């Protein structure tokens, strides 16, 4: 599943959500309160400076950072491949870890 941290009214957030919906990719939208304190918290927590902040959820506790909207668009084919794959998420996560050592 794709997890997105979004701000209401953010055009990049809306674009990423539209692409997810158009491609029938399962996702969870988490709306971040549009205050400086809240935005700063998520920027520090996820080590990202902008929104949306997009992650691929591997299991209940493990996520892979995809990045922002542009990063998501670049990696859309990977997301579609995962959606249609019979490969387990554990295997995908293991391969990702090996490739990114």
PDB file of N, CA and C in Angstrom:
ATOM      1  N   UNK A   1       0.831  -1.170   0.000  1.00  0.00           N
ATOM      2  CA  UNK A   1       0.000   0.000   0.000  1.00  0.00           C
ATOM      3  C   UNK A   1       0.881   1.241   0.000  1.00  0.00           C
ATOM      4  N   UNK A   2       0.413   2.272  -0.664  1.00  0.00           N
ATOM      5  CA  UNK A   2       1.094   3.558  -0.673  1.00  0.00           C
ATOM      6  C   UNK A   2       0.493   4.424   0.433  1.00  0.00           C
ATOM      7  N   UNK A   3       1.355   5.071   1.216  1.00  0.00           N
ATOM      8  CA  UNK A   3       0.916   5.973   2.275  1.00  0.00           C
ATOM      9  C   UNK A   3       1.403   7.368   1.918  1.00  0.00           C
ATOM     10  N   UNK A   4       0.486   8.330   1.949  1.00  0.00           N
ATOM     11  CA  UNK A   4       0.815   9.714   1.609  1.00  0.00           C
ATOM     12  C   UNK A   4       0.496  10.641   2.762  1.00  0.00           C
ATOM     13  N   UNK A   5       1.423  11.513   3.097  1.00  0.00           N
ATOM     14  CA  UNK A   5       1.162  12.618   4.009  1.00  0.00           C
ATOM     15  C   UNK A   5       0.909  13.815   3.111  1.00  0.00           C
ATOM     16  N   UNK A   6      -0.278  14.403   3.216  1.00  0.00           N
ATOM     17  CA  UNK A   6      -0.674  15.476   2.303  1.00  0.00           C
ATOM     18  C   UNK A   6      -1.147  16.701   3.068  1.00  0.00           C
ATOM     19  N   UNK A   7      -1.092  17.836   2.377  1.00  0.00           N
ATOM     20  CA  UNK A   7      -1.662  19.084   2.867  1.00  0.00           C
ATOM     21  C   UNK A   7      -2.883  19.388   2.019  1.00  0.00           C
ATOM     22  N   UNK A   8      -3.983  19.830   2.641  1.00  0.00           N
ATOM     23  CA  UNK A   8      -5.170  20.225   1.889  1.00  0.00           C
ATOM     24  C   UNK A   8      -4.820  21.398   0.980  1.00  0.00           C
ATOM     25  N   UNK A   9      -5.281  21.311  -0.260  1.00  0.00           N
ATOM     26  CA  UNK A   9      -5.062  22.395  -1.216  1.00  0.00           C
ATOM     27  C   UNK A   9      -3.711  22.382  -1.909  1.00  0.00           C
ATOM     28  N   UNK A  10      -2.851  21.443  -1.574  1.00  0.00           N
ATOM     29  CA  UNK A  10      -1.528  21.349  -2.198  1.00  0.00           C
ATOM     30  C   UNK A  10      -1.683  20.739  -3.588  1.00  0.00           C
ATOM     31  N   UNK A  11      -1.279  21.467  -4.651  1.00  0.00           N
ATOM     32  CA  UNK A  11      -1.461  20.937  -6.002  1.00  0.00           C
ATOM     33  C   UNK A  11      -0.660  19.660  -6.271  1.00  0.00           C
ATOM     34  N   UNK A  12       0.518  19.526  -5.670  1.00  0.00           N
ATOM     35  CA  UNK A  12       1.323  18.318  -5.868  1.00  0.00           C
ATOM     36  C   UNK A  12       0.685  17.127  -5.153  1.00  0.00           C
ATOM     37  N   UNK A  13       0.097  17.384  -3.992  1.00  0.00           N
ATOM     38  CA  UNK A  13      -0.609  16.319  -3.266  1.00  0.00           C
ATOM     39  C   UNK A  13      -1.810  15.846  -4.076  1.00  0.00           C
ATOM     40  N   UNK A  14      -2.566  16.802  -4.611  1.00  0.00           N
ATOM     41  CA  UNK A  14      -3.742  16.467  -5.418  1.00  0.00           C
ATOM     42  C   UNK A  14      -3.347  15.688  -6.670  1.00  0.00           C
ATOM     43  N   UNK A  15      -2.230  16.065  -7.280  1.00  0.00           N
ATOM     44  CA  UNK A  15      -1.756  15.365  -8.478  1.00  0.00           C
ATOM     45  C   UNK A  15      -1.392  13.919  -8.149  1.00  0.00           C
ATOM     46  N   UNK A  16      -0.660  13.713  -7.058  1.00  0.00           N
ATOM     47  CA  UNK A  16      -0.274  12.350  -6.665  1.00  0.00           C
ATOM     48  C   UNK A  16      -1.510  11.508  -6.362  1.00  0.00           C
ATOM     49  N   UNK A  17      -2.482  12.077  -5.656  1.00  0.00           N
ATOM     50  CA  UNK A  17      -3.715  11.348  -5.341  1.00  0.00           C
ATOM     51  C   UNK A  17      -4.500  11.012  -6.598  1.00  0.00           C
ATOM     52  N   UNK A  18      -4.545  11.948  -7.533  1.00  0.00           N
ATOM     53  CA  UNK A  18      -5.249  11.702  -8.799  1.00  0.00           C
ATOM     54  C   UNK A  18      -4.601  10.542  -9.558  1.00  0.00           C
ATOM     55  N   UNK A  19      -3.275  10.510  -9.608  1.00  0.00           N
ATOM     56  CA  UNK A  19      -2.555   9.438 -10.306  1.00  0.00           C
ATOM     57  C   UNK A  19      -2.814   8.096  -9.629  1.00  0.00           C
ATOM     58  N   UNK A  20      -2.800   8.076  -8.308  1.00  0.00           N
ATOM     59  CA  UNK A  20      -3.087   6.837  -7.579  1.00  0.00           C
ATOM     60  C   UNK A  20      -4.490   6.329  -7.908  1.00  0.00           C
ATOM     61  N   UNK A  21      -5.455   7.234  -7.886  1.00  0.00           N
ATOM     62  CA  UNK A  21      -6.833   6.846  -8.179  1.00  0.00           C
ATOM     63  C   UNK A  21      -6.985   6.377  -9.620  1.00  0.00           C
ATOM     64  N   UNK A  22      -6.370   7.079 -10.570  1.00  0.00           N
ATOM     65  CA  UNK A  22      -6.465   6.706 -11.982  1.00  0.00           C
ATOM     66  C   UNK A  22      -5.862   5.334 -12.246  1.00  0.00           C
ATOM     67  N   UNK A  23      -4.836   4.967 -11.471  1.00  0.00           N
ATOM     68  CA  UNK A  23      -4.154   3.690 -11.663  1.00  0.00           C
ATOM     69  C   UNK A  23      -4.642   2.607 -10.703  1.00  0.00           C
ATOM     70  N   UNK A  24      -5.684   2.912  -9.952  1.00  0.00           N
ATOM     71  CA  UNK A  24      -6.265   1.952  -9.006  1.00  0.00           C
ATOM     72  C   UNK A  24      -5.223   1.365  -8.057  1.00  0.00           C
ATOM     73  N   UNK A  25      -4.329   2.221  -7.558  1.00  0.00           N
ATOM     74  CA  UNK A  25      -3.308   1.793  -6.608  1.00  0.00           C
ATOM     75  C   UNK A  25      -3.833   2.041  -5.199  1.00  0.00           C
ATOM     76  N   UNK A  26      -3.833   0.991  -4.393  1.00  0.00           N
ATOM     77  CA  UNK A  26      -4.327   1.090  -3.023  1.00  0.00           C
ATOM     78  C   UNK A  26      -3.452   2.068  -2.246  1.00  0.00           C
ATOM     79  N   UNK A  27      -4.101   2.998  -1.541  1.00  0.00           N
ATOM     80  CA  UNK A  27      -3.340   4.004  -0.802  1.00  0.00           C
ATOM     81  C   UNK A  27      -4.108   4.479   0.425  1.00  0.00           C
ATOM     82  N   UNK A  28      -3.348   5.091   1.317  1.00  0.00           N
ATOM     83  CA  UNK A  28      -3.915   5.689   2.519  1.00  0.00           C
ATOM     84  C   UNK A  28      -3.440   7.132   2.570  1.00  0.00           C
ATOM     85  N   UNK A  29      -4.385   8.055   2.651  1.00  0.00           N
ATOM     86  CA  UNK A  29      -4.076   9.487   2.706  1.00  0.00           C
ATOM     87  C   UNK A  29      -4.125   9.946   4.152  1.00  0.00           C
ATOM     88  N   UNK A  30      -3.040  10.569   4.608  1.00  0.00           N
ATOM     89  CA  UNK A  30      -2.984  11.143   5.947  1.00  0.00           C
ATOM     90  C   UNK A  30      -2.858  12.650   5.787  1.00  0.00           C
ATOM     91  N   UNK A  31      -3.887  13.363   6.207  1.00  0.00           N
ATOM     92  CA  UNK A  31      -3.898  14.821   6.058  1.00  0.00           C
ATOM     93  C   UNK A  31      -3.134  15.446   7.219  1.00  0.00           C
ATOM     94  N   UNK A  32      -2.125  16.238   6.870  1.00  0.00           N
ATOM     95  CA  UNK A  32      -1.307  16.936   7.857  1.00  0.00           C
ATOM     96  C   UNK A  32      -1.937  18.309   8.098  1.00  0.00           C
ATOM     97  N   UNK A  33      -2.095  18.647   9.353  1.00  0.00           N
ATOM     98  CA  UNK A  33      -2.654  19.952   9.702  1.00  0.00           C
ATOM     99  C   UNK A  33      -1.768  21.045   9.094  1.00  0.00           C
ATOM    100  N   UNK A  34      -2.388  22.001   8.446  1.00  0.00           N
ATOM    101  CA  UNK A  34      -1.647  23.024   7.711  1.00  0.00           C
ATOM    102  C   UNK A  34      -1.211  24.162   8.640  1.00  0.00           C
ATOM    103  N   UNK A  35      -0.387  23.797   9.641  1.00  0.00           N
ATOM    104  CA  UNK A  35       0.226  24.786  10.526  1.00  0.00           C
ATOM    105  C   UNK A  35       1.735  24.616  10.420  1.00  0.00           C
ATOM    106  N   UNK A  36       2.469  25.654  10.720  1.00  0.00           N
ATOM    107  CA  UNK A  36       3.930  25.566  10.631  1.00  0.00           C
ATOM    108  C   UNK A  36       4.480  24.500  11.574  1.00  0.00           C
ATOM    109  N   UNK A  37       3.926  24.409  12.771  1.00  0.00           N
ATOM    110  CA  UNK A  37       4.397  23.423  13.751  1.00  0.00           C
ATOM    111  C   UNK A  37       4.177  22.002  13.233  1.00  0.00           C
ATOM    112  N   UNK A  38       3.003  21.745  12.707  1.00  0.00           N
ATOM    113  CA  UNK A  38       2.682  20.410  12.193  1.00  0.00           C
ATOM    114  C   UNK A  38       3.529  20.071  10.969  1.00  0.00           C
ATOM    115  N   UNK A  39       3.643  21.007  10.031  1.00  0.00           N
ATOM    116  CA  UNK A  39       4.454  20.760   8.827  1.00  0.00           C
ATOM    117  C   UNK A  39       5.903  20.517   9.200  1.00  0.00           C
ATOM    118  N   UNK A  40       6.429  21.290  10.156  1.00  0.00           N
ATOM    119  CA  UNK A  40       7.814  21.121  10.590  1.00  0.00           C
ATOM    120  C   UNK A  40       8.019  19.744  11.212  1.00  0.00           C
ATOM    121  N   UNK A  41       7.047  19.279  11.995  1.00  0.00           N
ATOM    122  CA  UNK A  41       7.135  17.965  12.626  1.00  0.00           C
ATOM    123  C   UNK A  41       7.281  16.868  11.567  1.00  0.00           C
ATOM    124  N   UNK A  42       6.419  16.878  10.534  1.00  0.00           N
ATOM    125  CA  UNK A  42       6.473  15.842   9.506  1.00  0.00           C
ATOM    126  C   UNK A  42       7.719  15.975   8.632  1.00  0.00           C
ATOM    127  N   UNK A  43       8.173  17.188   8.413  1.00  0.00           N
ATOM    128  CA  UNK A  43       9.411  17.372   7.645  1.00  0.00           C
ATOM    129  C   UNK A  43      10.594  16.748   8.390  1.00  0.00           C
ATOM    130  N   UNK A  44      10.656  16.969   9.696  1.00  0.00           N
ATOM    131  CA  UNK A  44      11.744  16.395  10.492  1.00  0.00           C
ATOM    132  C   UNK A  44      11.587  14.886  10.648  1.00  0.00           C
ATOM    133  N   UNK A  45      10.368  14.431  10.904  1.00  0.00           N
ATOM    134  CA  UNK A  45      10.125  13.007  11.122  1.00  0.00           C
ATOM    135  C   UNK A  45      10.470  12.190   9.877  1.00  0.00           C
ATOM    136  N   UNK A  46      10.083  12.680   8.715  1.00  0.00           N
ATOM    137  CA  UNK A  46      10.266  11.921   7.474  1.00  0.00           C
ATOM    138  C   UNK A  46      11.483  12.369   6.661  1.00  0.00           C
ATOM    139  N   UNK A  47      12.201  13.366   7.168  1.00  0.00           N
ATOM    140  CA  UNK A  47      13.393  13.894   6.494  1.00  0.00           C
ATOM    141  C   UNK A  47      13.093  14.293   5.049  1.00  0.00           C
ATOM    142  N   UNK A  48      11.986  15.011   4.892  1.00  0.00           N
ATOM    143  CA  UNK A  48      11.572  15.519   3.584  1.00  0.00           C
ATOM    144  C   UNK A  48      11.141  16.962   3.768  1.00  0.00           C
ATOM    145  N   UNK A  49      11.451  17.805   2.776  1.00  0.00           N
ATOM    146  CA  UNK A  49      11.180  19.237   2.910  1.00  0.00           C
ATOM    147  C   UNK A  49       9.877  19.695   2.285  1.00  0.00           C
ATOM    148  N   UNK A  50       9.169  18.814   1.597  1.00  0.00           N
ATOM    149  CA  UNK A  50       7.958  19.248   0.903  1.00  0.00           C
ATOM    150  C   UNK A  50       6.872  18.187   1.025  1.00  0.00           C
ATOM    151  N   UNK A  51       5.720  18.503   0.486  1.00  0.00           N
ATOM    152  CA  UNK A  51       4.575  17.597   0.475  1.00  0.00           C
ATOM    153  C   UNK A  51       4.110  17.413  -0.957  1.00  0.00           C
ATOM    154  N   UNK A  52       3.569  16.250  -1.285  1.00  0.00           N
ATOM    155  CA  UNK A  52       3.275  15.126  -0.420  1.00  0.00           C
ATOM    156  C   UNK A  52       4.551  14.381  -0.033  1.00  0.00           C
ATOM    157  N   UNK A  53       4.435  13.610   1.027  1.00  0.00           N
ATOM    158  CA  UNK A  53       5.497  12.708   1.456  1.00  0.00           C
ATOM    159  C   UNK A  53       4.938  11.309   1.244  1.00  0.00           C
ATOM    160  N   UNK A  54       5.562  10.555   0.329  1.00  0.00           N
ATOM    161  CA  UNK A  54       4.979   9.307  -0.135  1.00  0.00           C
ATOM    162  C   UNK A  54       5.871   8.125   0.231  1.00  0.00           C
ATOM    163  N   UNK A  55       5.236   7.074   0.764  1.00  0.00           N
ATOM    164  CA  UNK A  55       5.933   5.879   1.223  1.00  0.00           C
ATOM    165  C   UNK A  55       5.227   4.636   0.705  1.00  0.00           C
ATOM    166  N   UNK A  56       6.004   3.585   0.509  1.00  0.00           N
ATOM    167  CA  UNK A  56       5.467   2.264   0.201  1.00  0.00           C
ATOM    168  C   UNK A  56       5.480   1.485   1.499  1.00  0.00           C
ATOM    169  N   UNK A  57       4.305   1.046   1.961  1.00  0.00           N
ATOM    170  CA  UNK A  57       4.215   0.279   3.202  1.00  0.00           C
ATOM    171  C   UNK A  57       4.482  -1.187   2.903  1.00  0.00           C
ATOM    172  N   UNK A  58       5.496  -1.747   3.569  1.00  0.00           N
ATOM    173  CA  UNK A  58       5.891  -3.136   3.388  1.00  0.00           C
ATOM    174  C   UNK A  58       5.088  -4.041   4.314  1.00  0.00           C
ATOM    175  N   UNK A  59       5.001  -3.668   5.568  1.00  0.00           N
ATOM    176  CA  UNK A  59       4.186  -4.387   6.541  1.00  0.00           C
ATOM    177  C   UNK A  59       3.725  -3.371   7.577  1.00  0.00           C
ATOM    178  N   UNK A  60       3.293  -3.828   8.734  1.00  0.00           N
ATOM    179  CA  UNK A  60       2.728  -2.910   9.727  1.00  0.00           C
ATOM    180  C   UNK A  60       3.713  -1.874  10.247  1.00  0.00           C
ATOM    181  N   UNK A  61       5.009  -2.179  10.195  1.00  0.00           N
ATOM    182  CA  UNK A  61       6.000  -1.266  10.781  1.00  0.00           C
ATOM    183  C   UNK A  61       7.086  -0.816   9.821  1.00  0.00           C
ATOM    184  N   UNK A  62       7.134  -1.338   8.606  1.00  0.00           N
ATOM    185  CA  UNK A  62       8.234  -1.009   7.694  1.00  0.00           C
ATOM    186  C   UNK A  62       7.721  -0.286   6.447  1.00  0.00           C
ATOM    187  N   UNK A  63       8.433   0.800   6.121  1.00  0.00           N
ATOM    188  CA  UNK A  63       8.079   1.627   4.975  1.00  0.00           C
ATOM    189  C   UNK A  63       9.324   1.926   4.159  1.00  0.00           C
ATOM    190  N   UNK A  64       9.133   2.107   2.863  1.00  0.00           N
ATOM    191  CA  UNK A  64      10.191   2.569   1.975  1.00  0.00           C
ATOM    192  C   UNK A  64       9.796   3.955   1.500  1.00  0.00           C
ATOM    193  N   UNK A  65      10.691   4.925   1.663  1.00  0.00           N
ATOM    194  CA  UNK A  65      10.394   6.287   1.221  1.00  0.00           C
ATOM    195  C   UNK A  65      10.471   6.354  -0.303  1.00  0.00           C
ATOM    196  N   UNK A  66       9.380   6.781  -0.917  1.00  0.00           N
ATOM    197  CA  UNK A  66       9.372   7.012  -2.359  1.00  0.00           C
ATOM    198  C   UNK A  66       9.813   8.439  -2.632  1.00  0.00           C
ATOM    199  N   UNK A  67       9.325   9.387  -1.843  1.00  0.00           N
ATOM    200  CA  UNK A  67       9.693  10.789  -2.011  1.00  0.00           C
ATOM    201  C   UNK A  67       8.468  11.651  -2.201  1.00  0.00           C
ATOM    202  N   UNK A  68       8.620  12.677  -3.033  1.00  0.00           N
ATOM    203  CA  UNK A  68       7.519  13.583  -3.318  1.00  0.00           C
ATOM    204  C   UNK A  68       6.780  13.181  -4.577  1.00  0.00           C
ATOM    205  N   UNK A  69       6.004  14.104  -5.106  1.00  0.00           N
ATOM    206  CA  UNK A  69       5.178  13.824  -6.282  1.00  0.00           C
ATOM    207  C   UNK A  69       6.028  13.446  -7.493  1.00  0.00           C
ATOM    208  N   UNK A  70       7.071  14.210  -7.761  1.00  0.00           N
ATOM    209  CA  UNK A  70       7.923  13.911  -8.927  1.00  0.00           C
ATOM    210  C   UNK A  70       8.605  12.557  -8.782  1.00  0.00           C
ATOM    211  N   UNK A  71       9.077  12.242  -7.582  1.00  0.00           N
ATOM    212  CA  UNK A  71       9.691  10.931  -7.338  1.00  0.00           C
ATOM    213  C   UNK A  71       8.672   9.819  -7.547  1.00  0.00           C
ATOM    214  N   UNK A  72       7.457  10.058  -7.093  1.00  0.00           N
ATOM    215  CA  UNK A  72       6.393   9.073  -7.249  1.00  0.00           C
ATOM    216  C   UNK A  72       6.107   8.814  -8.729  1.00  0.00           C
ATOM    217  N   UNK A  73       6.009   9.885  -9.507  1.00  0.00           N
ATOM    218  CA  UNK A  73       5.732   9.733 -10.941  1.00  0.00           C
ATOM    219  C   UNK A  73       6.849   8.934 -11.608  1.00  0.00           C
ATOM    220  N   UNK A  74       8.104   9.218 -11.233  1.00  0.00           N
ATOM    221  CA  UNK A  74       9.239   8.476 -11.785  1.00  0.00           C
ATOM    222  C   UNK A  74       9.154   6.988 -11.466  1.00  0.00           C
ATOM    223  N   UNK A  75       8.651   6.668 -10.282  1.00  0.00           N
ATOM    224  CA  UNK A  75       8.606   5.285  -9.813  1.00  0.00           C
ATOM    225  C   UNK A  75       7.243   4.624  -9.986  1.00  0.00           C
ATOM    226  N   UNK A  76       6.367   5.249 -10.746  1.00  0.00           N
ATOM    227  CA  UNK A  76       5.015   4.717 -10.908  1.00  0.00           C
ATOM    228  C   UNK A  76       5.016   3.313 -11.498  1.00  0.00           C
ATOM    229  N   UNK A  77       5.912   3.059 -12.424  1.00  0.00           N
ATOM    230  CA  UNK A  77       5.949   1.721 -13.025  1.00  0.00           C
ATOM    231  C   UNK A  77       6.300   0.668 -11.979  1.00  0.00           C
ATOM    232  N   UNK A  78       7.147   1.014 -11.023  1.00  0.00           N
ATOM    233  CA  UNK A  78       7.482   0.088  -9.941  1.00  0.00           C
ATOM    234  C   UNK A  78       6.236  -0.183  -9.102  1.00  0.00           C
ATOM    235  N   UNK A  79       5.500   0.869  -8.777  1.00  0.00           N
ATOM    236  CA  UNK A  79       4.286   0.712  -7.971  1.00  0.00           C
ATOM    237  C   UNK A  79       3.261  -0.149  -8.699  1.00  0.00           C
ATOM    238  N   UNK A  80       3.105   0.064  -9.989  1.00  0.00           N
ATOM    239  CA  UNK A  80       2.175  -0.754 -10.764  1.00  0.00           C
ATOM    240  C   UNK A  80       2.646  -2.194 -10.810  1.00  0.00           C
ATOM    241  N   UNK A  81       3.949  -2.409 -10.925  1.00  0.00           N
ATOM    242  CA  UNK A  81       4.488  -3.764 -10.934  1.00  0.00           C
ATOM    243  C   UNK A  81       4.229  -4.476  -9.618  1.00  0.00           C
ATOM    244  N   UNK A  82       4.371  -3.751  -8.518  1.00  0.00           N
ATOM    245  CA  UNK A  82       4.114  -4.335  -7.201  1.00  0.00           C
ATOM    246  C   UNK A  82       2.636  -4.678  -7.063  1.00  0.00           C
ATOM    247  N   UNK A  83       1.784  -3.786  -7.528  1.00  0.00           N
ATOM    248  CA  UNK A  83       0.345  -4.012  -7.417  1.00  0.00           C
ATOM    249  C   UNK A  83      -0.069  -5.296  -8.125  1.00  0.00           C
ATOM    250  N   UNK A  84       0.551  -5.581  -9.275  1.00  0.00           N
ATOM    251  CA  UNK A  84       0.165  -6.726 -10.083  1.00  0.00           C
ATOM    252  C   UNK A  84       1.050  -7.951  -9.861  1.00  0.00           C
ATOM    253  N   UNK A  85       1.942  -7.880  -8.892  1.00  0.00           N
ATOM    254  CA  UNK A  85       2.927  -8.935  -8.689  1.00  0.00           C
ATOM    255  C   UNK A  85       2.428  -9.999  -7.715  1.00  0.00           C
ATOM    256  N   UNK A  86       2.898 -11.234  -7.948  1.00  0.00           N
ATOM    257  CA  UNK A  86       2.652 -12.317  -7.006  1.00  0.00           C
ATOM    258  C   UNK A  86       3.781 -12.422  -5.984  1.00  0.00           C
ATOM    259  N   UNK A  87       4.801 -11.576  -6.136  1.00  0.00           N
ATOM    260  CA  UNK A  87       5.949 -11.598  -5.226  1.00  0.00           C
ATOM    261  C   UNK A  87       5.518 -11.013  -3.881  1.00  0.00           C
ATOM    262  N   UNK A  88       5.903 -11.649  -2.787  1.00  0.00           N
ATOM    263  CA  UNK A  88       5.504 -11.162  -1.460  1.00  0.00           C
ATOM    264  C   UNK A  88       6.196  -9.838  -1.145  1.00  0.00           C
ATOM    265  N   UNK A  89       5.555  -9.054  -0.295  1.00  0.00           N
ATOM    266  CA  UNK A  89       6.131  -7.774   0.107  1.00  0.00           C
ATOM    267  C   UNK A  89       7.431  -7.983   0.872  1.00  0.00           C
ATOM    268  N   UNK A  90       7.551  -9.077   1.619  1.00  0.00           N
ATOM    269  CA  UNK A  90       8.804  -9.368   2.326  1.00  0.00           C
ATOM    270  C   UNK A  90       9.955  -9.531   1.341  1.00  0.00           C
ATOM    271  N   UNK A  91       9.703 -10.204   0.240  1.00  0.00           N
ATOM    272  CA  UNK A  91      10.727 -10.407  -0.785  1.00  0.00           C
ATOM    273  C   UNK A  91      11.101  -9.089  -1.429  1.00  0.00           C
ATOM    274  N   UNK A  92      10.104  -8.263  -1.731  1.00  0.00           N
ATOM    275  CA  UNK A  92      10.365  -6.946  -2.333  1.00  0.00           C
ATOM    276  C   UNK A  92      11.197  -6.094  -1.388  1.00  0.00           C
ATOM    277  N   UNK A  93      10.852  -6.109  -0.101  1.00  0.00           N
ATOM    278  CA  UNK A  93      11.598  -5.325   0.874  1.00  0.00           C
ATOM    279  C   UNK A  93      13.038  -5.819   0.983  1.00  0.00           C
ATOM    280  N   UNK A  94      13.241  -7.128   0.996  1.00  0.00           N
ATOM    281  CA  UNK A  94      14.586  -7.703   1.063  1.00  0.00           C
ATOM    282  C   UNK A  94      15.407  -7.276  -0.151  1.00  0.00           C
ATOM    283  N   UNK A  95      14.802  -7.339  -1.335  1.00  0.00           N
ATOM    284  CA  UNK A  95      15.523  -6.931  -2.558  1.00  0.00           C
ATOM    285  C   UNK A  95      15.867  -5.456  -2.498  1.00  0.00           C
ATOM    286  N   UNK A  96      14.961  -4.643  -1.997  1.00  0.00           N
ATOM    287  CA  UNK A  96      15.214  -3.216  -1.878  1.00  0.00           C
ATOM    288  C   UNK A  96      16.392  -2.965  -0.936  1.00  0.00           C
ATOM    289  N   UNK A  97      16.409  -3.658   0.208  1.00  0.00           N
ATOM    290  CA  UNK A  97      17.495  -3.496   1.165  1.00  0.00           C
ATOM    291  C   UNK A  97      18.845  -3.891   0.554  1.00  0.00           C
ATOM    292  N   UNK A  98      18.864  -4.976  -0.203  1.00  0.00           N
ATOM    293  CA  UNK A  98      20.110  -5.432  -0.824  1.00  0.00           C
ATOM    294  C   UNK A  98      20.607  -4.440  -1.870  1.00  0.00           C
ATOM    295  N   UNK A  99      19.690  -3.867  -2.626  1.00  0.00           N
ATOM    296  CA  UNK A  99      20.066  -2.933  -3.693  1.00  0.00           C
ATOM    297  C   UNK A  99      20.510  -1.585  -3.144  1.00  0.00           C
ATOM    298  N   UNK A 100      20.091  -1.250  -1.950  1.00  0.00           N
ATOM    299  CA  UNK A 100      20.369   0.073  -1.393  1.00  0.00           C
ATOM    300  C   UNK A 100      21.346   0.042  -0.228  1.00  0.00           C
ATOM    301  N   UNK A 101      22.218  -0.949  -0.205  1.00  0.00           N
ATOM    302  CA  UNK A 101      23.251  -1.016   0.853  1.00  0.00           C
ATOM    303  C   UNK A 101      24.350  -0.041   0.562  1.00  0.00           C
TER     304      UNK A 101
END
